Protein backbone atom coordinates (compact mmCIF):
# COMPACT_ATOMS: atom_id res chain seq x y z
CA VAL A 1 6.88 -31.69 7.25
CA LEU A 2 6.76 -27.96 6.18
CA ASP A 3 10.28 -27.02 5.32
CA ASP A 4 10.69 -23.27 5.86
CA PRO A 5 7.26 -22.36 4.26
CA GLN A 6 7.80 -18.43 3.70
CA THR A 7 10.13 -16.45 1.42
CA ASP A 8 11.60 -12.94 2.05
CA GLU A 9 8.99 -11.41 0.05
CA SER A 10 5.86 -13.05 1.81
CA ALA A 11 7.52 -12.27 5.06
CA ARG A 12 7.36 -8.63 4.15
CA SER A 13 3.45 -9.03 3.26
CA LEU A 14 1.42 -9.27 6.34
CA SER A 15 -1.65 -10.43 3.98
CA GLN A 16 0.68 -13.12 2.59
CA CYS A 17 1.57 -14.33 6.09
CA ALA A 18 -2.12 -14.48 7.00
CA THR A 19 -3.05 -16.36 3.86
CA ARG A 20 -0.20 -18.92 4.56
CA GLU A 21 -1.32 -19.29 8.03
CA SER A 22 -4.73 -20.23 7.03
CA ILE A 23 -3.61 -22.56 4.42
CA LEU A 24 -1.29 -24.50 6.95
CA ALA A 25 -4.19 -24.73 9.57
CA GLY A 26 -6.93 -25.73 6.76
CA ALA A 27 -5.39 -27.43 3.68
CA VAL A 28 -2.19 -28.91 5.09
CA LEU A 29 -3.24 -30.09 8.66
CA GLY A 30 -6.55 -31.20 7.28
CA LEU A 31 -4.70 -33.61 4.82
CA SER A 32 -5.26 -36.75 7.22
CA GLY A 33 -8.92 -36.69 6.74
CA PRO A 34 -11.82 -36.98 9.33
CA GLY A 35 -11.27 -39.12 12.40
CA THR A 36 -7.56 -39.24 12.01
CA LYS A 37 -4.99 -37.07 13.56
CA ILE A 38 -1.94 -35.78 11.86
CA SER A 39 1.51 -34.35 13.01
CA GLY A 40 3.05 -31.36 11.81
CA ILE A 41 6.85 -30.45 12.05
CA MET A 42 7.93 -26.99 10.63
CA PRO A 43 11.56 -26.01 10.72
CA CYS A 44 11.34 -22.30 10.00
CA THR A 45 13.40 -19.01 10.18
CA VAL A 46 11.76 -15.75 11.53
CA ILE A 47 12.88 -13.29 8.81
CA ARG A 48 10.77 -10.17 10.17
CA PRO A 49 8.83 -9.36 13.44
CA GLY A 50 5.34 -10.43 12.89
CA ASP A 51 5.90 -12.68 9.93
CA MET A 52 4.39 -16.32 9.50
CA ALA A 53 7.15 -18.07 11.48
CA ASP A 54 6.98 -15.44 14.27
CA ALA A 55 3.26 -16.08 14.70
CA ILE A 56 3.62 -19.73 14.84
CA LEU A 57 6.00 -19.83 17.50
CA ASP A 58 3.90 -17.46 19.72
CA ARG A 59 2.35 -19.84 22.19
CA GLU A 60 -0.33 -17.26 23.01
CA ARG A 61 -1.60 -17.01 19.27
CA HIS A 62 -0.99 -20.53 18.28
CA PRO A 63 -0.94 -22.83 21.48
CA GLU A 64 -1.48 -25.92 19.26
CA TRP A 65 2.18 -25.61 17.95
CA ASN A 66 4.89 -26.56 20.52
CA GLY A 67 7.07 -23.71 19.05
CA GLN A 68 10.85 -23.56 20.25
CA ARG A 69 13.29 -21.02 19.20
CA THR A 70 16.65 -22.24 18.76
CA LYS A 71 19.79 -19.90 18.92
CA LEU A 72 23.33 -19.90 17.86
CA VAL A 73 24.22 -17.75 20.98
CA TYR A 74 22.05 -17.85 24.18
CA ALA A 75 24.23 -15.30 25.99
CA PHE A 76 26.57 -12.81 24.45
CA PRO A 77 30.25 -12.01 26.03
CA THR A 78 30.03 -9.52 28.77
CA ASP A 79 33.29 -7.57 27.77
CA GLU A 80 31.79 -5.27 25.03
CA ALA A 81 35.19 -3.04 25.07
CA LEU A 82 37.40 -5.89 24.00
CA TRP A 83 35.17 -7.18 21.27
CA LYS A 84 34.84 -3.53 20.06
CA ARG A 85 38.62 -3.59 19.62
CA TYR A 86 38.40 -6.86 18.03
CA ALA A 87 35.92 -5.55 15.45
CA GLU A 88 38.25 -2.64 14.42
CA LEU A 89 41.41 -4.84 14.10
CA ARG A 90 39.12 -7.51 12.04
CA ALA A 91 37.91 -4.73 9.73
CA GLU A 92 41.43 -3.26 9.09
CA SER A 93 42.95 -6.80 8.68
CA LEU A 94 40.29 -7.63 6.08
CA ARG A 95 40.75 -4.18 4.27
CA GLN A 96 44.41 -5.04 3.73
CA GLY A 97 43.84 -8.52 2.72
CA HIS A 98 45.10 -10.53 5.66
CA GLY A 99 41.86 -12.44 6.36
CA GLY A 100 41.56 -11.20 10.12
CA GLU A 101 44.68 -12.79 11.29
CA GLU A 102 45.36 -9.90 13.59
CA ALA A 103 42.08 -10.00 15.13
CA THR A 104 42.44 -13.62 15.72
CA ALA A 105 45.79 -13.16 17.50
CA PHE A 106 44.20 -10.39 19.51
CA TYR A 107 41.33 -13.06 20.59
CA ARG A 108 43.94 -15.56 21.35
CA ASP A 109 45.65 -13.53 23.86
CA HIS A 110 42.49 -12.00 25.57
CA ARG A 111 40.33 -15.25 25.11
CA ALA A 112 39.46 -15.75 28.86
CA ALA A 113 38.09 -12.13 29.22
CA MET A 114 36.47 -12.20 25.75
CA ASP A 115 34.58 -15.40 26.32
CA ALA A 116 33.31 -14.47 29.90
CA GLY A 117 29.59 -14.75 30.00
CA ALA A 118 28.92 -16.16 26.67
CA VAL A 119 26.85 -19.23 26.04
CA VAL A 120 26.47 -20.87 22.84
CA ALA A 121 24.31 -23.72 21.42
CA TRP A 122 27.14 -25.70 19.62
CA PRO A 123 30.62 -25.16 20.92
CA GLU A 124 32.15 -27.22 18.06
CA ARG A 125 30.71 -24.72 15.39
CA PHE A 126 33.58 -22.70 14.15
CA ASN A 127 35.71 -22.47 10.93
CA HIS A 128 39.26 -23.69 10.45
CA ASP A 129 40.73 -20.25 10.87
CA GLU A 130 38.76 -19.48 14.04
CA LEU A 131 39.58 -20.50 17.72
CA SER A 132 35.99 -20.85 19.08
CA ALA A 133 32.23 -20.97 18.32
CA ILE A 134 31.91 -17.56 20.23
CA GLN A 135 34.58 -16.17 17.82
CA HIS A 136 32.45 -17.66 14.89
CA ALA A 137 29.40 -16.17 16.18
CA MET A 138 30.68 -12.68 16.84
CA ASN A 139 32.16 -12.65 13.25
CA LEU A 140 28.74 -13.45 11.79
CA ARG A 141 27.40 -10.69 13.76
CA LEU A 142 29.98 -8.38 12.80
CA GLN A 143 29.65 -9.31 8.92
CA ASP A 144 25.68 -8.45 8.81
CA GLU A 145 24.01 -7.80 12.29
CA ALA A 146 20.39 -7.95 10.64
CA ALA A 147 21.08 -11.26 8.98
CA PHE A 148 22.53 -12.68 12.09
CA PHE A 149 19.71 -12.09 14.37
CA ALA A 150 17.13 -13.22 11.80
CA GLU A 151 19.03 -16.32 10.42
CA TYR A 152 20.87 -17.48 13.44
CA GLN A 153 19.03 -16.12 16.33
CA ASN A 154 15.63 -16.41 15.29
CA GLU A 155 14.95 -12.84 16.67
CA PRO A 156 15.11 -10.50 13.81
CA LEU A 157 15.81 -6.84 14.68
CA PRO A 158 12.56 -4.62 14.60
CA ALA A 159 11.92 -3.32 11.14
CA GLU A 160 13.07 0.15 10.24
CA THR A 161 10.33 2.77 11.28
CA ALA A 162 8.96 4.71 8.70
CA SER A 163 10.10 8.38 8.22
CA ASP A 164 7.93 11.09 9.38
CA ASP A 165 6.13 11.35 6.10
CA GLU A 166 5.83 7.72 5.33
CA LEU A 167 2.99 5.64 6.82
CA THR A 168 3.16 2.07 7.77
CA VAL A 169 0.61 -0.73 7.02
CA GLU A 170 -0.53 -0.62 10.68
CA GLN A 171 -1.02 2.92 10.87
CA ILE A 172 -3.36 3.05 7.72
CA ALA A 173 -5.21 -0.05 8.99
CA GLY A 174 -5.82 1.45 12.25
CA LYS A 175 -6.94 4.78 11.03
CA LEU A 176 -10.66 3.97 11.68
CA ASN A 177 -13.69 6.24 12.32
CA ARG A 178 -15.81 3.39 13.46
CA MET A 179 -18.72 4.17 11.21
CA LYS A 180 -20.40 1.09 9.46
CA ARG A 181 -19.34 0.01 6.09
CA GLY A 182 -21.37 2.16 3.67
CA GLU A 183 -22.49 4.50 6.16
CA VAL A 184 -21.89 8.35 5.59
CA PRO A 185 -21.04 10.63 8.31
CA VAL A 186 -23.30 13.75 8.60
CA GLY A 187 -20.68 16.43 7.43
CA VAL A 188 -20.30 14.86 3.93
CA ASN A 189 -21.70 16.71 1.07
CA HIS A 190 -19.89 14.82 -1.85
CA VAL A 191 -19.57 11.23 -2.94
CA THR A 192 -16.82 10.01 -5.37
CA ALA A 193 -15.59 6.93 -6.79
CA PHE A 194 -12.83 5.53 -8.97
CA ILE A 195 -12.30 2.39 -10.70
CA ASP A 196 -9.02 0.87 -11.57
CA VAL A 197 -9.23 -1.16 -14.64
CA GLN A 198 -7.00 -4.40 -14.91
CA GLY A 199 -7.37 -7.29 -17.23
CA ASN A 200 -8.68 -9.81 -14.56
CA LEU A 201 -10.26 -7.48 -12.15
CA LEU A 202 -11.74 -4.20 -11.50
CA PHE A 203 -10.68 -2.44 -8.23
CA TRP A 204 -12.94 0.35 -7.00
CA VAL A 205 -13.07 2.82 -4.01
CA VAL A 206 -15.93 5.01 -2.76
CA CYS A 207 -15.16 7.90 -0.56
CA GLY A 208 -17.39 10.64 1.08
CA TRP A 209 -15.81 14.23 1.43
CA GLU A 210 -16.79 17.19 3.61
CA ASP A 211 -16.16 20.72 1.75
CA ASP A 212 -12.61 20.96 3.28
CA PHE A 213 -11.44 17.50 2.12
CA THR A 214 -12.06 15.74 5.30
CA GLY A 215 -12.50 12.34 3.82
CA TYR A 216 -14.06 8.98 4.59
CA VAL A 217 -13.59 5.50 2.77
CA LEU A 218 -17.01 4.39 2.68
CA ASP A 219 -16.55 1.09 0.77
CA TYR A 220 -13.86 -0.49 -1.47
CA GLY A 221 -13.59 -3.73 -3.18
CA ALA A 222 -12.90 -5.72 -6.53
CA TYR A 223 -15.25 -7.00 -9.22
CA PRO A 224 -15.59 -9.92 -9.53
CA ASP A 225 -15.83 -10.47 -5.74
CA GLN A 226 -13.02 -12.62 -4.46
CA LYS A 227 -14.83 -13.58 -1.44
CA ARG A 228 -11.77 -13.81 0.53
CA PRO A 229 -9.83 -11.22 2.70
CA TYR A 230 -6.32 -11.81 1.06
CA PHE A 231 -5.71 -12.11 -2.61
CA THR A 232 -3.47 -10.73 -5.41
CA LEU A 233 -4.35 -9.74 -9.04
CA ARG A 234 -2.03 -12.45 -10.14
CA ASP A 235 -4.12 -15.25 -8.18
CA ALA A 236 -7.61 -13.79 -8.73
CA ARG A 237 -10.53 -16.16 -8.81
CA PRO A 238 -12.93 -15.58 -10.46
CA THR A 239 -11.63 -13.24 -13.11
CA LEU A 240 -13.44 -10.88 -15.54
CA THR A 241 -13.05 -13.12 -18.56
CA GLY A 242 -14.09 -16.02 -16.32
CA ILE A 243 -17.55 -14.85 -15.69
CA LEU A 244 -17.95 -13.93 -19.24
CA PRO A 245 -16.21 -16.77 -21.12
CA SER A 246 -17.84 -16.09 -24.53
CA GLY A 247 -16.34 -12.88 -25.44
CA GLY A 248 -12.61 -11.35 -25.15
CA VAL A 249 -11.01 -9.17 -22.68
CA GLU A 250 -12.56 -5.86 -23.92
CA ALA A 251 -15.98 -7.46 -23.83
CA ALA A 252 -15.48 -8.73 -20.29
CA ILE A 253 -14.16 -5.09 -19.22
CA TYR A 254 -17.32 -3.55 -20.74
CA ALA A 255 -19.62 -5.84 -19.05
CA GLY A 256 -17.69 -5.50 -15.63
CA LEU A 257 -17.87 -1.78 -15.88
CA GLU A 258 -21.55 -1.86 -16.54
CA THR A 259 -22.44 -4.05 -13.74
CA LEU A 260 -19.98 -2.43 -11.32
CA THR A 261 -21.16 1.26 -12.01
CA GLY A 262 -24.75 0.14 -11.72
CA GLN A 263 -23.95 -1.21 -8.06
CA ILE A 264 -21.91 2.05 -7.20
CA ILE A 265 -23.99 4.66 -8.75
CA ASP A 266 -27.36 3.49 -8.31
CA ARG A 267 -26.91 2.82 -4.91
CA ALA A 268 -28.20 5.32 -2.24
CA TRP A 269 -25.52 6.14 0.42
CA ARG A 270 -27.45 6.76 3.39
CA ARG A 271 -26.06 9.70 5.62
CA ASP A 272 -26.32 9.97 9.48
CA ASP A 273 -29.14 12.58 9.22
CA GLY A 274 -31.19 10.16 6.97
CA ALA A 275 -30.47 11.97 3.71
CA ASP A 276 -29.49 9.63 0.71
CA LEU A 277 -26.49 10.78 -1.36
CA ARG A 278 -25.35 9.50 -4.92
CA VAL A 279 -21.99 9.20 -6.39
CA GLU A 280 -21.64 12.60 -8.03
CA ARG A 281 -18.51 11.78 -10.23
CA CYS A 282 -16.92 8.38 -10.91
CA LEU A 283 -13.40 8.38 -12.65
CA ILE A 284 -12.56 5.37 -14.53
CA ASP A 285 -8.79 4.47 -15.25
CA ALA A 286 -8.28 4.52 -19.04
CA ASN A 287 -4.42 3.68 -19.11
CA TRP A 288 -4.45 -0.22 -18.84
CA GLY A 289 -3.29 -1.91 -21.97
CA SER A 290 -6.00 -2.24 -24.66
CA SER A 291 -8.68 -0.92 -22.31
CA THR A 292 -8.58 2.67 -23.29
CA ASP A 293 -10.95 2.47 -26.29
CA VAL A 294 -13.24 0.34 -24.21
CA VAL A 295 -13.20 2.66 -21.37
CA TYR A 296 -14.06 5.73 -23.60
CA GLN A 297 -16.84 3.85 -25.42
CA PHE A 298 -18.43 2.72 -22.18
CA CYS A 299 -18.36 6.22 -20.62
CA ARG A 300 -19.97 7.64 -23.92
CA GLN A 301 -22.70 4.83 -24.02
CA SER A 302 -23.35 4.54 -20.24
CA SER A 303 -26.67 5.28 -18.90
CA HIS A 304 -24.50 7.36 -16.23
CA ALA A 305 -22.66 9.05 -18.95
CA GLY A 306 -23.06 12.40 -16.89
CA ILE A 307 -21.14 10.88 -14.01
CA VAL A 308 -18.62 8.53 -15.25
CA LEU A 309 -15.52 9.94 -16.76
CA PRO A 310 -12.32 8.47 -18.25
CA SER A 311 -9.27 9.45 -16.69
CA HIS A 312 -5.53 9.14 -17.10
CA GLY A 313 -2.80 9.79 -14.34
CA ARG A 314 0.37 11.25 -15.49
CA PHE A 315 3.78 11.03 -14.06
CA VAL A 316 4.88 14.54 -13.59
CA GLY A 317 8.69 14.67 -12.29
CA ALA A 318 10.76 17.33 -11.04
CA SER A 319 11.97 18.02 -14.73
CA SER A 320 8.54 17.76 -16.29
CA GLN A 321 6.21 20.72 -16.76
CA PRO A 322 3.82 21.07 -13.84
CA PHE A 323 0.23 21.24 -14.31
CA SER A 324 0.26 24.71 -12.77
CA GLU A 325 2.12 25.94 -15.76
CA TYR A 326 -0.30 24.41 -18.55
CA LYS A 327 -1.55 26.94 -20.81
CA ARG A 328 -5.37 26.68 -20.89
CA ARG A 329 -6.99 26.38 -24.27
CA PRO A 330 -10.59 27.38 -25.23
CA GLY A 331 -12.96 24.84 -23.65
CA ASP A 332 -10.73 23.40 -21.29
CA LEU A 333 -11.33 23.00 -17.58
CA VAL A 334 -8.39 23.49 -15.39
CA GLY A 335 -8.31 22.64 -11.59
CA PHE A 336 -6.00 21.76 -8.71
CA ASN A 337 -3.31 19.62 -10.62
CA TRP A 338 -5.96 18.30 -12.92
CA ARG A 339 -7.27 19.30 -16.22
CA MET A 340 -10.16 18.22 -18.54
CA PRO A 341 -9.09 19.19 -22.08
CA ASN A 342 -11.57 20.22 -24.78
CA VAL A 343 -12.95 17.30 -26.62
CA GLN A 344 -10.98 16.50 -29.75
CA GLY A 345 -10.47 13.52 -32.20
CA LYS A 346 -12.26 10.26 -32.46
CA ARG A 347 -12.98 9.88 -28.76
CA ALA A 348 -15.69 12.47 -28.50
CA VAL A 349 -15.85 12.09 -24.57
CA ARG A 350 -14.46 14.47 -22.19
CA HIS A 351 -11.45 12.94 -19.87
CA ALA A 352 -9.58 14.07 -16.75
CA LEU A 353 -5.75 14.23 -16.65
CA TYR A 354 -4.15 14.36 -13.12
CA ASP A 355 -0.69 14.61 -11.69
CA THR A 356 -0.24 11.23 -9.87
CA ASN A 357 2.97 12.21 -7.90
CA PHE A 358 1.18 15.11 -6.41
CA TRP A 359 -2.20 13.49 -5.67
CA LYS A 360 -0.26 10.42 -4.22
CA SER A 361 1.44 12.77 -1.60
CA PHE A 362 -1.85 14.46 -1.17
CA VAL A 363 -3.58 11.38 -0.23
CA HIS A 364 -0.60 10.16 2.21
CA ALA A 365 -0.88 13.68 3.75
CA ARG A 366 -4.55 13.39 4.61
CA LEU A 367 -4.08 9.77 6.09
CA ALA A 368 -1.62 11.25 8.26
CA VAL A 369 -3.72 13.93 9.58
CA PRO A 370 -4.95 12.95 13.27
CA MET A 371 -8.50 12.02 13.60
CA GLY A 372 -10.79 15.03 14.39
CA GLU A 373 -8.62 17.49 12.51
CA ARG A 374 -9.70 19.27 9.24
CA GLY A 375 -8.51 17.42 6.22
CA CYS A 376 -8.24 13.86 7.74
CA LEU A 377 -8.88 10.89 5.72
CA SER A 378 -10.09 7.74 7.72
CA LEU A 379 -11.45 4.22 7.14
CA PHE A 380 -14.70 2.79 8.13
CA GLY A 381 -15.14 0.19 10.81
CA ASP A 382 -13.38 -0.75 14.18
CA LYS A 383 -11.11 -3.78 13.13
CA PRO A 384 -7.77 -2.88 11.70
CA GLU A 385 -7.43 -6.56 10.44
CA THR A 386 -10.39 -5.87 7.95
CA HIS A 387 -8.28 -3.22 6.14
CA ARG A 388 -4.73 -5.16 6.23
CA LEU A 389 -4.86 -5.88 2.35
CA PHE A 390 -6.26 -2.20 1.52
CA ALA A 391 -3.39 -0.73 3.60
CA GLU A 392 -0.80 -2.93 1.74
CA HIS A 393 -1.87 -1.58 -1.52
CA VAL A 394 -1.64 2.11 -0.22
CA THR A 395 1.82 1.60 1.16
CA ALA A 396 2.83 -0.37 -1.85
CA GLU A 397 4.91 2.80 -3.37
CA TYR A 398 7.37 5.00 -1.57
CA ARG A 399 8.40 8.59 -2.23
CA VAL A 400 11.74 9.68 -3.71
CA ARG A 401 12.22 13.58 -3.30
CA THR A 402 13.80 14.89 -6.40
CA GLU A 403 14.84 18.23 -7.68
CA GLY A 404 14.88 19.72 -11.15
CA ARG A 405 14.02 22.89 -12.95
CA GLY A 406 14.33 24.76 -9.64
CA ARG A 407 11.62 22.83 -7.82
CA THR A 408 11.53 19.83 -5.51
CA VAL A 409 8.79 17.13 -5.83
CA ASP A 410 7.94 13.69 -4.72
CA GLU A 411 8.32 10.94 -7.26
CA TRP A 412 6.47 7.74 -6.30
CA LYS A 413 7.76 4.33 -7.02
CA MET A 414 6.64 0.73 -6.50
CA ARG A 415 8.47 -1.30 -3.72
CA PRO A 416 10.19 -4.13 -5.19
CA GLU A 417 8.32 -6.61 -2.80
CA ARG A 418 4.89 -5.44 -3.64
CA SER A 419 2.99 -6.16 -6.63
CA ASP A 420 -0.49 -4.49 -6.08
CA ASN A 421 -1.15 -0.82 -5.67
CA HIS A 422 -4.69 -0.57 -7.03
CA TRP A 423 -6.60 0.59 -4.23
CA LEU A 424 -3.95 3.31 -3.78
CA ASP A 425 -4.72 4.47 -7.36
CA GLY A 426 -8.43 4.08 -6.33
CA LEU A 427 -8.01 6.45 -3.41
CA VAL A 428 -6.06 9.06 -5.51
CA GLY A 429 -8.72 8.98 -8.16
CA ALA A 430 -11.53 9.41 -5.74
CA ALA A 431 -9.77 12.39 -4.26
CA VAL A 432 -9.15 13.84 -7.69
CA ALA A 433 -12.79 13.30 -8.63
CA ALA A 434 -13.73 15.29 -5.34
CA SER A 435 -11.62 18.07 -6.31
CA ILE A 436 -13.35 18.25 -9.79
CA GLN A 437 -16.57 18.57 -7.78
CA GLY A 438 -15.47 21.49 -5.90
CA VAL A 439 -13.91 20.08 -2.64
CA ILE A 440 -11.00 22.27 -1.56
CA LEU A 441 -8.46 21.77 1.06
CA PRO A 442 -8.27 25.26 2.77
CA GLY A 443 -4.92 26.93 2.06
CA THR A 444 -3.88 24.82 -0.73
CA GLY A 445 -4.77 27.38 -3.58
CA GLY A 446 -7.19 25.01 -5.12
CA ARG A 447 -9.73 26.39 -7.55
CA GLU A 448 -12.34 28.28 -5.91
CA PRO A 449 -15.96 28.03 -7.25
CA VAL A 450 -17.08 31.00 -9.24
CA LYS A 451 -19.43 32.97 -7.04
CA ARG A 452 -22.05 34.63 -9.25
CA GLY A 453 -24.30 37.25 -8.31
CA ARG A 454 -27.77 38.20 -9.40
CA VAL A 455 -27.91 39.99 -12.82
CA SER A 456 -30.99 41.96 -13.90
CA PHE A 457 -32.72 41.71 -17.26
CA ARG A 458 -31.90 45.68 -17.39
CA ASP A 459 -28.20 44.96 -17.08
CA LEU A 460 -28.22 42.35 -19.75
CA GLN A 461 -29.80 44.80 -22.08
CA LYS A 462 -27.30 47.21 -21.31
CA LYS A 463 -24.40 45.00 -21.78
CA SER A 464 -25.96 43.86 -25.07
CA ARG A 465 -25.98 47.30 -26.48
CA THR A 466 -22.31 48.14 -25.57
């Protein structure tokens, strides 16, 4: 007996639903062992469309389960006008502290007409201050319609659609270019990468970019490889420290970065026309816990020191000073909402700073661009389910439009039901790396590369005399 095997949180996660379905089919129903059959009974509640319970009850997807949806109400009353008046009387009565007595009196006077057409599963189910199961059901519906259809009808209302500037998991997972994993389209001239450092895992993303910021997610993953389609940072197995048990967390991160950068940067990314491209710039997150010094040390000592670069995302809110108002100091490199300060202090390694709020909005805007248009960002492959977990990471945050200091900006915050946003950070970091390499979205005012004309030796001599 599996008693309601999903939570509100897991029901909102497509990957958690898929994980629980696989556990149910494998570990649970396989408990009887070879040669013996086992019966499974699962009382469950459909919390949202497409969740685990909804999938198990679908006879097309799971014919092995004899799913049946029970309901409190099988047919609602037909006289909507009377019930609308009832709702008004009930609300006013509750506001005045009368407990809905006036509404009950109204129902008593018009009960025959108000009950017409209704069919309930359990006629005796109603409270002491109610007259029938139909009134009880309608009171529950008036109290919270969404909860009523989920908890009592097993038919939850459709989830709220995202606003025009928010993408759903399904939209991102379905943004496919039908290229093979790791295959580079012919228009790509730049390949960049980002590594998000966590204590247990390193999440990484590699993207290819055309000069106008048309982008392609070439590959992504986690190190160590989890060898399963759905996982979280919390349940990661194996972990960095697990594959290097003799050292501490810092040593494990250093060794992981060494192995992972070798796999990403040493790899030749084959383009459609046969040309081999290499990762030009790889940013490494240097914000996590005690990893900052380790990341800087690795970037200084790495054999790929000319390619890897420590990076720090900065939260720039409406009341903060925007990157565009930053006063350039001697030796600084300043770009499109990023900058690379001159090297100072004990960490003699150049690093990149960037506005995370701006770049998260920028990446989501690229994902919203239709396929085939300039500035579109798409994913490899032709199967949306392959990218379900990746899409959950990318949609793990939502934007809040705020105003301050005379400007309006998007501030991105984690959704309470999500815990992992690491591939979103990776996608953002890869886009920042592309901007550093000179990729520009036309019309954004990005830093144009400096065009240098030919200078003759005579001109140089003349300039030296003046």
